[in-house]
């Protein structure tokens, strides 16, 4: 089975085959102090517990100083890349300065510091804080001490990690690490399984031949950092391999305003898919 994915080619005229997708899981955590309403900071400031402070304190413990997730057993099923896979990542030609300029950043220091950036965004699991709020949110000032602070967490997961297991580990961690004098409620939300097709699978190799025929260049094999949860369902339910063939370019504003698609790849992509189907 072939799926047209939103994965990128390496560059114009240089194709890439995606053989892995990260999975995901989501949680929401809500921290409450003993009070039922926000407190007045003039009467209780300096003594009353501040839910915002406590939530930030709790969430800051989820990673160590090197960006590693502190949750016990989070990495138990995570496998290191093979040397061939590492070489394929290098072949993608990562340009750090170009990326920083395009994003308006001066540093790319997120995640685990002992892994190179291209590996961190494609083949390592993550735990991200997506949103934190609490207390007064309007214009101006309101001198309150918040009694409740929610936050949202998502993880990108790699092959062999079970989303429901990871959710349970994070929930257990947050409940056990709850600061004194408050309660922590964790709500489990969406999950999606990671996916991996062996690079040497016959169907992947047929796709590579099709790319070579149309583009005149051998594709690079890449892991995609995003998620398409239904791909694993296709794989299991239909008992057939899934080949992810993407024809987008890195500068096409994926999922953003002015998203666009290169017409050359529209034509060549159609020819490549036809060539692949003929070969299988």
Protein backbone atom coordinates (compact mmCIF):
# COMPACT_ATOMS: atom_id res chain seq x y z
CA UNK A 1 0.00 0.00 0.00
CA UNK A 2 1.28 3.46 -0.88
CA UNK A 3 0.39 6.55 1.14
CA UNK A 4 1.15 10.06 -0.07
CA UNK A 5 2.57 11.63 3.07
CA UNK A 6 3.37 15.20 4.04
CA UNK A 7 7.05 14.32 4.37
CA UNK A 8 9.63 16.38 2.55
CA UNK A 9 12.07 15.57 -0.18
CA UNK A 10 15.68 16.40 0.62
CA UNK A 11 15.78 19.23 -1.94
CA UNK A 12 14.64 20.04 -5.47
CA UNK A 13 15.33 17.02 -7.65
CA UNK A 14 16.68 15.00 -4.71
CA UNK A 15 14.04 12.56 -3.41
CA UNK A 16 13.79 10.98 0.02
CA UNK A 17 11.79 7.98 1.24
CA UNK A 18 10.21 8.13 4.69
CA UNK A 19 10.43 4.78 6.43
CA UNK A 20 9.48 5.84 9.96
CA UNK A 21 6.95 8.09 11.68
CA UNK A 22 6.86 9.10 15.31
CA UNK A 23 3.82 8.30 17.43
CA UNK A 24 2.24 10.60 19.97
CA UNK A 25 0.36 10.85 23.22
CA UNK A 26 -1.25 13.79 25.00
CA UNK A 27 -2.13 14.65 28.59
CA UNK A 28 -3.55 17.57 30.54
CA UNK A 29 -2.44 18.27 34.08
CA UNK A 30 -4.31 20.51 36.50
CA UNK A 31 -2.81 21.62 39.81
CA UNK A 32 -5.04 23.00 42.57
CA UNK A 33 -4.22 24.46 45.96
CA UNK A 34 -6.44 23.88 48.97
CA UNK A 35 -8.56 26.97 48.32
CA UNK A 36 -11.59 27.07 46.04
CA UNK A 37 -10.97 30.56 44.66
CA UNK A 38 -8.02 32.81 43.76
CA UNK A 39 -6.60 34.68 46.76
CA UNK A 40 -5.90 38.39 47.19
CA UNK A 41 -2.14 38.96 47.00
CA UNK A 42 -2.31 41.85 49.47
CA UNK A 43 -3.82 39.66 52.16
CA UNK A 44 -2.12 36.34 51.36
CA UNK A 45 0.91 37.20 49.17
CA UNK A 46 4.08 35.67 50.50
CA UNK A 47 2.23 33.03 52.48
CA UNK A 48 -0.53 31.54 50.37
CA UNK A 49 0.34 28.85 47.85
CA UNK A 50 0.42 30.03 44.24
CA UNK A 51 -0.80 27.36 41.80
CA UNK A 52 1.11 28.93 38.89
CA UNK A 53 4.38 28.77 40.82
CA UNK A 54 3.79 25.18 41.89
CA UNK A 55 2.86 23.99 38.39
CA UNK A 56 5.96 25.58 36.86
CA UNK A 57 8.03 24.02 39.65
CA UNK A 58 6.52 20.58 38.97
CA UNK A 59 6.83 20.72 35.17
CA UNK A 60 10.43 21.93 35.38
CA UNK A 61 11.39 18.57 36.89
CA UNK A 62 10.29 16.63 33.80
CA UNK A 63 13.69 17.21 32.13
CA UNK A 64 17.23 17.25 33.44
CA UNK A 65 19.86 19.86 32.58
CA UNK A 66 20.75 17.98 29.38
CA UNK A 67 17.18 17.81 28.08
CA UNK A 68 16.66 14.15 28.99
CA UNK A 69 13.18 13.20 30.19
CA UNK A 70 13.30 12.38 33.91
CA UNK A 71 10.28 10.05 33.92
CA UNK A 72 11.30 6.53 34.98
CA UNK A 73 11.28 3.94 32.15
CA UNK A 74 10.49 6.57 29.50
CA UNK A 75 13.38 5.35 27.31
CA UNK A 76 13.14 1.61 28.03
CA UNK A 77 12.04 0.66 24.50
CA UNK A 78 14.02 3.29 22.59
CA UNK A 79 16.65 1.83 20.26
CA UNK A 80 19.72 3.65 19.00
CA UNK A 81 20.05 4.21 15.25
CA UNK A 82 22.19 1.91 13.16
CA UNK A 83 25.31 3.31 11.53
CA UNK A 84 23.57 3.10 8.15
CA UNK A 85 20.67 5.19 9.46
CA UNK A 86 23.06 7.78 10.87
CA UNK A 87 24.80 8.00 7.51
CA UNK A 88 21.46 8.56 5.80
CA UNK A 89 20.70 11.43 8.17
CA UNK A 90 24.07 12.99 7.35
CA UNK A 91 23.31 12.61 3.65
CA UNK A 92 20.27 14.87 4.08
CA UNK A 93 22.70 17.76 4.36
CA UNK A 94 21.46 19.64 7.44
CA UNK A 95 22.30 23.36 7.34
CA UNK A 96 22.02 24.69 10.89
CA UNK A 97 22.66 28.34 10.06
CA UNK A 98 20.07 28.33 7.29
CA UNK A 99 17.46 26.82 9.60
CA UNK A 100 18.15 29.28 12.41
CA UNK A 101 17.84 32.17 9.98
CA UNK A 102 14.55 30.88 8.55
CA UNK A 103 13.07 30.47 12.05
CA UNK A 104 14.44 33.71 13.46
CA UNK A 105 16.38 31.82 16.15
CA UNK A 106 19.90 32.27 17.43
CA UNK A 107 20.19 28.79 18.96
CA UNK A 108 18.83 25.27 18.38
CA UNK A 109 19.30 23.97 21.89
CA UNK A 110 16.06 22.12 22.60
CA UNK A 111 15.89 18.44 23.46
CA UNK A 112 18.70 16.09 24.43
CA UNK A 113 22.01 17.89 24.16
CA UNK A 114 24.04 14.74 23.41
CA UNK A 115 22.25 14.09 20.08
CA UNK A 116 22.63 16.07 16.84
CA UNK A 117 19.66 18.20 15.81
CA UNK A 118 18.52 16.03 12.84
CA UNK A 119 18.34 12.97 15.10
CA UNK A 120 16.51 14.84 17.85
CA UNK A 121 13.66 15.86 15.53
CA UNK A 122 13.23 12.51 13.80
CA UNK A 123 14.41 9.51 15.81
CA UNK A 124 14.32 10.57 19.48
CA UNK A 125 11.22 10.74 21.69
CA UNK A 126 10.15 14.06 23.16
CA UNK A 127 8.07 15.47 26.00
CA UNK A 128 6.82 18.97 25.24
CA UNK A 129 4.88 21.53 27.28
CA UNK A 130 2.30 22.90 24.85
CA UNK A 131 0.44 25.33 27.08
CA UNK A 132 0.37 26.67 30.64
CA UNK A 133 -2.19 29.06 32.06
CA UNK A 134 -3.80 30.14 35.31
CA UNK A 135 -4.91 33.17 37.27
CA UNK A 136 -5.75 36.50 35.67
CA UNK A 137 -5.54 36.55 31.86
CA UNK A 138 -7.16 39.87 30.96
CA UNK A 139 -5.75 43.31 30.20
CA UNK A 140 -4.20 45.32 32.97
CA UNK A 141 -3.45 44.00 36.45
CA UNK A 142 -5.37 41.95 38.98
CA UNK A 143 -3.49 41.16 42.16
CA UNK A 144 -4.48 37.55 42.67
CA UNK A 145 -2.77 34.37 43.76
CA UNK A 146 -4.12 31.66 41.42
CA UNK A 147 -5.62 28.60 43.06
CA UNK A 148 -5.60 26.49 39.88
CA UNK A 149 -3.12 26.12 37.03
CA UNK A 150 -3.59 23.72 34.09
CA UNK A 151 -1.02 22.68 31.53
CA UNK A 152 -0.94 20.59 28.36
CA UNK A 153 1.70 17.99 27.48
CA UNK A 154 2.36 16.00 24.34
CA UNK A 155 5.04 13.46 23.48
CA UNK A 156 6.40 12.36 20.14
CA UNK A 157 7.29 8.67 20.41
CA UNK A 158 9.58 6.42 18.42
CA UNK A 159 9.30 2.83 17.26
CA UNK A 160 8.58 0.27 20.04
CA UNK A 161 7.25 2.87 22.48
CA UNK A 162 3.64 2.27 23.54
CA UNK A 163 1.65 5.54 23.81
CA UNK A 164 -0.67 4.28 26.56
CA UNK A 165 2.28 3.04 28.61
CA UNK A 166 4.06 6.39 28.27
CA UNK A 167 0.89 8.22 29.32
CA UNK A 168 0.69 6.05 32.43
CA UNK A 169 4.34 6.67 33.32
CA UNK A 170 3.98 10.45 33.03
CA UNK A 171 0.71 10.42 35.01
CA UNK A 172 2.36 8.41 37.79
CA UNK A 173 5.36 10.73 37.84
CA UNK A 174 3.30 13.93 38.07
CA UNK A 175 1.08 12.55 40.83
CA UNK A 176 4.05 11.30 42.85
CA UNK A 177 6.00 14.55 42.43
CA UNK A 178 3.07 16.83 43.34
CA UNK A 179 4.23 19.62 45.67
CA UNK A 180 2.98 19.49 49.25
CA UNK A 181 -0.33 21.16 49.97
CA UNK A 182 -1.87 20.80 46.52
CA UNK A 183 -3.63 18.22 44.39
CA UNK A 184 -2.69 17.18 40.87
CA UNK A 185 -5.19 15.74 38.39
CA UNK A 186 -3.93 14.21 35.13
CA UNK A 187 -6.31 13.60 32.22
CA UNK A 188 -5.21 11.24 29.46
CA UNK A 189 -6.02 12.38 25.93
CA UNK A 190 -5.14 11.40 22.33
CA UNK A 191 -2.68 8.68 21.37
CA UNK A 192 -1.14 7.50 18.10
CA UNK A 193 1.31 4.67 17.48
CA UNK A 194 4.74 5.10 15.89
CA UNK A 195 5.48 3.29 12.62
CA UNK A 196 8.55 1.83 10.99
CA UNK A 197 9.11 -0.11 7.77
CA UNK A 198 12.50 -1.82 7.37
CA UNK A 199 14.61 0.01 4.78
CA UNK A 200 15.48 -3.28 3.08
CA UNK A 201 11.84 -4.28 2.60
CA UNK A 202 11.08 -5.16 -1.02
CA UNK A 203 8.34 -2.51 -1.30
CA UNK A 204 10.68 0.23 -0.08
CA UNK A 205 13.26 -0.84 -2.64
CA UNK A 206 10.66 -0.79 -5.43
CA UNK A 207 9.80 2.78 -4.42
CA UNK A 208 13.50 3.67 -4.55
CA UNK A 209 13.71 2.27 -8.10
CA UNK A 210 10.71 4.36 -9.13
CA UNK A 211 12.27 7.55 -7.74
CA UNK A 212 15.52 6.78 -9.54
CA UNK A 213 13.72 6.27 -12.84
CA UNK A 214 11.80 9.55 -12.71
CA UNK A 215 14.19 11.86 -10.85
CA UNK A 216 17.45 10.34 -12.05
CA UNK A 217 18.77 10.30 -8.48
CA UNK A 218 18.82 7.73 -5.68
CA UNK A 219 16.62 8.66 -2.73
CA UNK A 220 17.87 9.17 0.80
CA UNK A 221 16.08 7.25 3.55
CA UNK A 222 14.71 9.38 6.37
CA UNK A 223 12.73 9.20 9.56
CA UNK A 224 9.91 11.73 9.80
CA UNK A 225 9.37 13.55 13.07
CA UNK A 226 5.61 13.92 12.58
CA UNK A 227 2.79 11.45 13.06
CA UNK A 228 0.17 9.80 10.85
CA UNK A 229 -1.45 7.38 13.33
CA UNK A 230 -3.69 5.64 10.79
CA UNK A 231 -0.63 4.30 8.93
CA UNK A 232 -0.08 1.59 11.56
CA UNK A 233 -3.78 0.71 11.37
CA UNK A 234 -3.42 0.21 7.62
CA UNK A 235 -0.35 -1.93 8.23
CA UNK A 236 -2.00 -4.17 10.83
CA UNK A 237 -5.54 -4.35 9.48
CA UNK A 238 -4.61 -4.95 5.85
CA UNK A 239 -1.50 -6.98 6.73
CA UNK A 240 0.45 -5.15 4.05
CA UNK A 241 3.47 -2.84 4.06
CA UNK A 242 2.91 0.91 3.84
CA UNK A 243 5.26 2.93 1.67
CA UNK A 244 5.34 6.64 2.49
CA UNK A 245 6.08 8.63 -0.66
CA UNK A 246 6.37 12.38 -0.13
CA UNK A 247 7.01 15.04 -2.78
CA UNK A 248 6.95 18.24 -0.76
CA UNK A 249 9.91 20.58 -0.35
CA UNK A 250 11.18 21.95 2.98
CA UNK A 251 10.33 25.57 2.03
CA UNK A 252 6.66 25.03 1.12
CA UNK A 253 5.22 26.29 4.44
CA UNK A 254 3.67 22.99 5.50
CA UNK A 255 0.49 23.52 7.58
CA UNK A 256 1.08 27.28 7.56
CA UNK A 257 -0.25 30.32 5.66
CA UNK A 258 0.67 30.29 1.96
CA UNK A 259 1.31 26.55 1.96
CA UNK A 260 2.07 25.59 -1.62
CA UNK A 261 3.26 22.71 -3.79
CA UNK A 262 5.85 22.67 -6.52
CA UNK A 263 4.32 21.91 -9.93
CA UNK A 264 7.38 19.98 -11.09
CA UNK A 265 6.90 17.59 -8.18
CA UNK A 266 3.19 17.35 -8.95
CA UNK A 267 4.09 15.98 -12.38
CA UNK A 268 7.09 13.90 -11.36
CA UNK A 269 5.31 12.67 -8.26
CA UNK A 270 2.47 11.27 -10.37
CA UNK A 271 4.96 9.56 -12.67
CA UNK A 272 6.88 8.14 -9.70
CA UNK A 273 3.75 6.65 -8.15
CA UNK A 274 2.76 5.09 -11.47
CA UNK A 275 6.26 3.63 -11.86
CA UNK A 276 6.08 2.22 -8.35
CA UNK A 277 2.69 0.60 -8.90
CA UNK A 278 3.88 -0.93 -12.16
CA UNK A 279 6.89 -2.44 -10.39
CA UNK A 280 4.84 -4.08 -7.64
